[in-house]
Structure formats: C-alpha cells, structure tokens
Protein backbone atom coordinates (compact mmCIF):
# COMPACT_ATOMS: atom_id res chain seq x y z
CA UNK A 1 -30.68 -27.14 47.15
CA UNK A 2 -27.04 -27.76 46.05
CA UNK A 3 -28.26 -30.18 43.36
CA UNK A 4 -30.63 -27.56 41.92
CA UNK A 5 -27.92 -24.89 41.83
CA UNK A 6 -25.36 -27.26 40.30
CA UNK A 7 -27.90 -28.52 37.75
CA UNK A 8 -28.83 -24.96 36.80
CA UNK A 9 -25.17 -23.96 36.39
CA UNK A 10 -24.49 -27.06 34.30
CA UNK A 11 -27.47 -26.36 32.00
CA UNK A 12 -26.50 -22.70 31.62
CA UNK A 13 -22.93 -23.61 30.69
CA UNK A 14 -24.08 -26.25 28.17
CA UNK A 15 -26.56 -23.93 26.45
CA UNK A 16 -24.30 -20.88 26.48
CA UNK A 17 -21.38 -22.64 24.80
CA UNK A 18 -20.85 -21.82 21.15
CA UNK A 19 -19.44 -24.27 18.72
CA UNK A 20 -15.74 -23.48 18.66
CA UNK A 21 -13.46 -24.12 15.72
CA UNK A 22 -11.58 -27.37 16.03
CA UNK A 23 -7.81 -27.15 16.18
CA UNK A 24 -5.57 -29.24 13.98
CA UNK A 25 -2.41 -30.83 15.24
CA UNK A 26 -0.56 -27.70 13.99
CA UNK A 27 -2.71 -25.36 16.09
CA UNK A 28 -4.61 -23.90 13.15
CA UNK A 29 -8.35 -23.38 13.48
CA UNK A 30 -10.59 -25.48 11.24
CA UNK A 31 -14.26 -24.76 10.73
CA UNK A 32 -16.95 -27.10 9.55
CA UNK A 33 -18.20 -26.51 6.00
CA UNK A 34 -21.48 -24.94 7.15
CA UNK A 35 -19.63 -22.03 8.75
CA UNK A 36 -16.95 -21.43 6.11
CA UNK A 37 -16.89 -17.90 4.73
CA UNK A 38 -17.07 -17.16 1.03
CA UNK A 39 -13.73 -17.84 -0.66
CA UNK A 40 -11.64 -14.69 -0.84
CA UNK A 41 -11.10 -13.17 -4.24
CA UNK A 42 -7.62 -13.71 -5.58
CA UNK A 43 -5.56 -10.58 -5.19
CA UNK A 44 -4.00 -9.14 -8.31
CA UNK A 45 -0.27 -9.54 -8.66
CA UNK A 46 1.73 -6.37 -8.27
CA UNK A 47 2.97 -4.87 -11.53
CA UNK A 48 6.68 -4.69 -12.12
CA UNK A 49 8.25 -1.71 -13.92
CA UNK A 50 11.62 -1.66 -15.61
CA UNK A 51 13.73 1.49 -15.51
CA UNK A 52 12.59 2.29 -19.05
CA UNK A 53 8.91 1.84 -18.18
CA UNK A 54 9.37 4.03 -15.11
CA UNK A 55 10.97 6.77 -17.22
CA UNK A 56 8.10 6.61 -19.72
CA UNK A 57 5.56 6.81 -16.90
CA UNK A 58 7.33 9.75 -15.23
CA UNK A 59 7.57 11.58 -18.55
CA UNK A 60 3.85 11.58 -19.40
CA UNK A 61 2.77 15.09 -20.32
CA UNK A 62 -0.97 15.60 -20.51
CA UNK A 63 -3.82 17.09 -18.47
CA UNK A 64 -3.57 14.43 -15.77
CA UNK A 65 -1.64 15.14 -12.59
CA UNK A 66 0.71 12.22 -11.91
CA UNK A 67 1.85 11.89 -8.29
CA UNK A 68 4.52 9.23 -7.92
CA UNK A 69 5.79 8.29 -4.46
CA UNK A 70 8.93 6.16 -4.18
CA UNK A 71 8.95 4.19 -0.92
CA UNK A 72 10.10 1.01 0.81
CA UNK A 73 8.33 -1.09 3.43
CA UNK A 74 11.20 -0.66 5.89
CA UNK A 75 11.26 3.17 5.61
CA UNK A 76 9.60 4.80 8.64
CA UNK A 77 9.00 8.23 7.05
CA UNK A 78 7.54 6.48 3.96
CA UNK A 79 5.05 4.58 6.11
CA UNK A 80 4.09 7.77 7.98
CA UNK A 81 3.15 9.66 4.82
CA UNK A 82 1.18 6.90 3.07
CA UNK A 83 -2.10 7.81 4.86
CA UNK A 84 -1.84 11.36 3.44
CA UNK A 85 -1.64 9.96 -0.08
CA UNK A 86 -4.51 7.56 0.61
CA UNK A 87 -6.67 10.49 1.73
CA UNK A 88 -5.91 12.29 -1.53
CA UNK A 89 -6.76 9.17 -3.56
CA UNK A 90 -10.20 9.12 -1.96
CA UNK A 91 -10.69 12.88 -2.12
CA UNK A 92 -9.68 13.16 -5.79
CA UNK A 93 -11.51 10.05 -7.01
CA UNK A 94 -12.90 10.73 -10.47
CA UNK A 95 -10.59 13.71 -11.07
CA UNK A 96 -7.66 13.68 -13.55
CA UNK A 97 -5.15 12.68 -10.85
CA UNK A 98 -3.19 9.42 -10.70
CA UNK A 99 -1.33 8.61 -7.48
CA UNK A 100 1.16 5.76 -7.76
CA UNK A 101 3.41 4.20 -5.14
CA UNK A 102 6.68 2.75 -6.44
CA UNK A 103 8.22 0.17 -4.13
CA UNK A 104 11.99 0.11 -4.30
CA UNK A 105 12.20 -2.79 -1.86
CA UNK A 106 14.64 -5.58 -2.52
CA UNK A 107 13.49 -8.05 -5.16
CA UNK A 108 13.65 -10.77 -2.47
CA UNK A 109 10.70 -9.08 -0.72
CA UNK A 110 8.46 -8.71 -3.78
CA UNK A 111 6.50 -11.89 -3.11
CA UNK A 112 6.43 -11.69 0.69
CA UNK A 113 6.85 -8.42 2.57
CA UNK A 114 5.71 -6.01 -0.14
CA UNK A 115 2.34 -7.68 -0.95
CA UNK A 116 1.59 -8.01 2.76
CA UNK A 117 2.52 -4.37 3.38
CA UNK A 118 0.51 -2.91 0.48
CA UNK A 119 -2.53 -4.98 1.46
CA UNK A 120 -2.20 -3.84 5.06
CA UNK A 121 -1.93 -0.21 3.90
CA UNK A 122 -4.74 -0.62 1.34
CA UNK A 123 -2.60 0.58 -1.58
CA UNK A 124 -2.23 -2.57 -3.70
CA UNK A 125 -4.09 -1.12 -6.70
CA UNK A 126 -1.81 1.92 -6.70
CA UNK A 127 1.54 0.17 -6.24
CA UNK A 128 4.18 -0.99 -8.71
CA UNK A 129 7.52 -2.69 -8.09
CA UNK A 130 10.84 -1.31 -9.31
CA UNK A 131 14.18 -3.01 -8.88
CA UNK A 132 16.15 -0.10 -7.49
CA UNK A 133 19.41 -2.02 -7.77
CA UNK A 134 19.17 -1.77 -11.56
CA UNK A 135 18.93 2.03 -11.51
CA UNK A 136 22.09 3.91 -12.34
CA UNK A 137 23.07 7.55 -12.06
CA UNK A 138 21.92 8.09 -15.67
CA UNK A 139 18.33 7.08 -14.72
CA UNK A 140 18.20 9.66 -11.92
CA UNK A 141 19.87 12.41 -13.97
CA UNK A 142 17.46 11.85 -16.87
CA UNK A 143 14.29 11.90 -14.74
CA UNK A 144 14.89 14.18 -11.74
CA UNK A 145 16.50 17.47 -10.75
CA UNK A 146 16.82 16.78 -7.01
CA UNK A 147 16.88 13.02 -6.52
CA UNK A 148 19.96 10.87 -6.98
CA UNK A 149 18.35 7.76 -5.49
CA UNK A 150 20.25 8.08 -2.22
CA UNK A 151 17.25 8.57 0.07
CA UNK A 152 13.52 7.95 0.28
CA UNK A 153 10.70 8.84 0.46
CA UNK A 154 10.76 10.81 -2.76
CA UNK A 155 7.69 12.22 -4.49
CA UNK A 156 7.62 13.35 -8.09
CA UNK A 157 4.61 15.21 -9.50
CA UNK A 158 3.95 16.12 -13.11
CA UNK A 159 1.11 17.80 -14.92
CA UNK A 160 1.99 18.71 -18.48
CA UNK A 161 5.29 20.59 -18.35
CA UNK A 162 4.99 21.52 -14.66
CA UNK A 163 6.83 19.30 -12.17
CA UNK A 164 7.48 19.21 -8.44
CA UNK A 165 10.02 17.11 -6.55
CA UNK A 166 10.03 16.47 -2.81
CA UNK A 167 12.84 14.57 -1.15
CA UNK A 168 11.86 13.40 2.32
CA UNK A 169 8.56 12.98 4.11
CA UNK A 170 5.70 15.37 3.38
CA UNK A 171 3.07 16.47 5.83
CA UNK A 172 -0.53 16.25 4.73
CA UNK A 173 -0.61 20.04 4.42
CA UNK A 174 2.44 20.08 2.15
CA UNK A 175 0.93 17.37 -0.05
CA UNK A 176 -2.37 19.26 -0.28
CA UNK A 177 -0.60 22.51 -1.20
CA UNK A 178 1.58 20.92 -3.87
CA UNK A 179 -1.34 19.07 -5.48
CA UNK A 180 -3.53 22.19 -5.37
CA UNK A 181 -0.82 24.31 -7.03
CA UNK A 182 -0.39 21.78 -9.87
CA UNK A 183 -4.13 21.40 -10.40
CA UNK A 184 -4.57 25.18 -11.06
C-alpha cells in the first residue's frame, strides 16, 4: 500500500511540475527560445527643452488649452497629483487640450530615474526634460506672475490670452475647475 501511495505522489509531482526558467550564475532568469516573449518596442527618448524652447512653448496663444506641470521625481506632492492629470489626458483625448509634464530633475537623473519614473507613471509621451539649473530669475519673471522657481509642483495653463498659475499641489477637483473655466 505504501508503494502505491508513494508512486502516485511521485507521478503527480512529476506531471504537475512546470518548466521553470533556468537561472544564470548571476541569478537572472533565462528562458528557452520557444517561450521568449515578443521583443519589446524601443521606448522613445525623452525630449529635452532649453529655456528658450520652454518660453516659446509657454507663450503659445491659440485655441488650444496648454496645461504645463513642472515636477520632479523626488517631489511627493508632484507624484500625488500626476494621476489627476492622467485622468484629464484620457478624458480630454481628441479635444484641443495639451497636457505636458516638465521634469526639472537633475540632469544626472535624465537617463536613469526620470525615464523609469515616467514609464512607471505612464506619462512618457507627455514629458519633457528641462535643466532647471540653467534657469535664472529673468526666465521666471518673463514667463510667470507667481512662480520664481523656488518650489514645485507648479502648473501653468494658457488658452489664448487667458492664463492660470497654481503653485503647489492641486486636488482633482481644483484641476477640473481650472480646466473647465479655461475651456469656456
């Protein structure tokens, strides 16, 4: 009787085992070629803006509503409000609204932390890089009424001649109200 039970358990364990990925000497999983997934599409490099390009972008005056959010990966309030902006991107898809995230992270993080962060947040296609260390008081004075570059998050909205500036984190309700008022 013991032999039958042991034989049955052995057969069950053999047939129930799945082929596991082999491990290399570095502990990384390796799969055989039959089970490899499709190669991932190369991700687009993040665009870099100069101060001049940023000023040109912020100064666009037409029928499109431009919502520009200045953030950094290390900024807690910035991270908290990103989902609100993502919801608006989806909600306003196809409408004359352009939501852009401007990363003011250190240039050292442009090829490491920032790409990882924007991919994790799902905002790569809406993000540009700006070297905040190159921005002087004249840049802030020329482009904004409220922001001197001293704190983030900062959101600038423009539609034609109408503008709105918000220093600090916005709730989803605040963002909805501001966008709705500019879209009128």
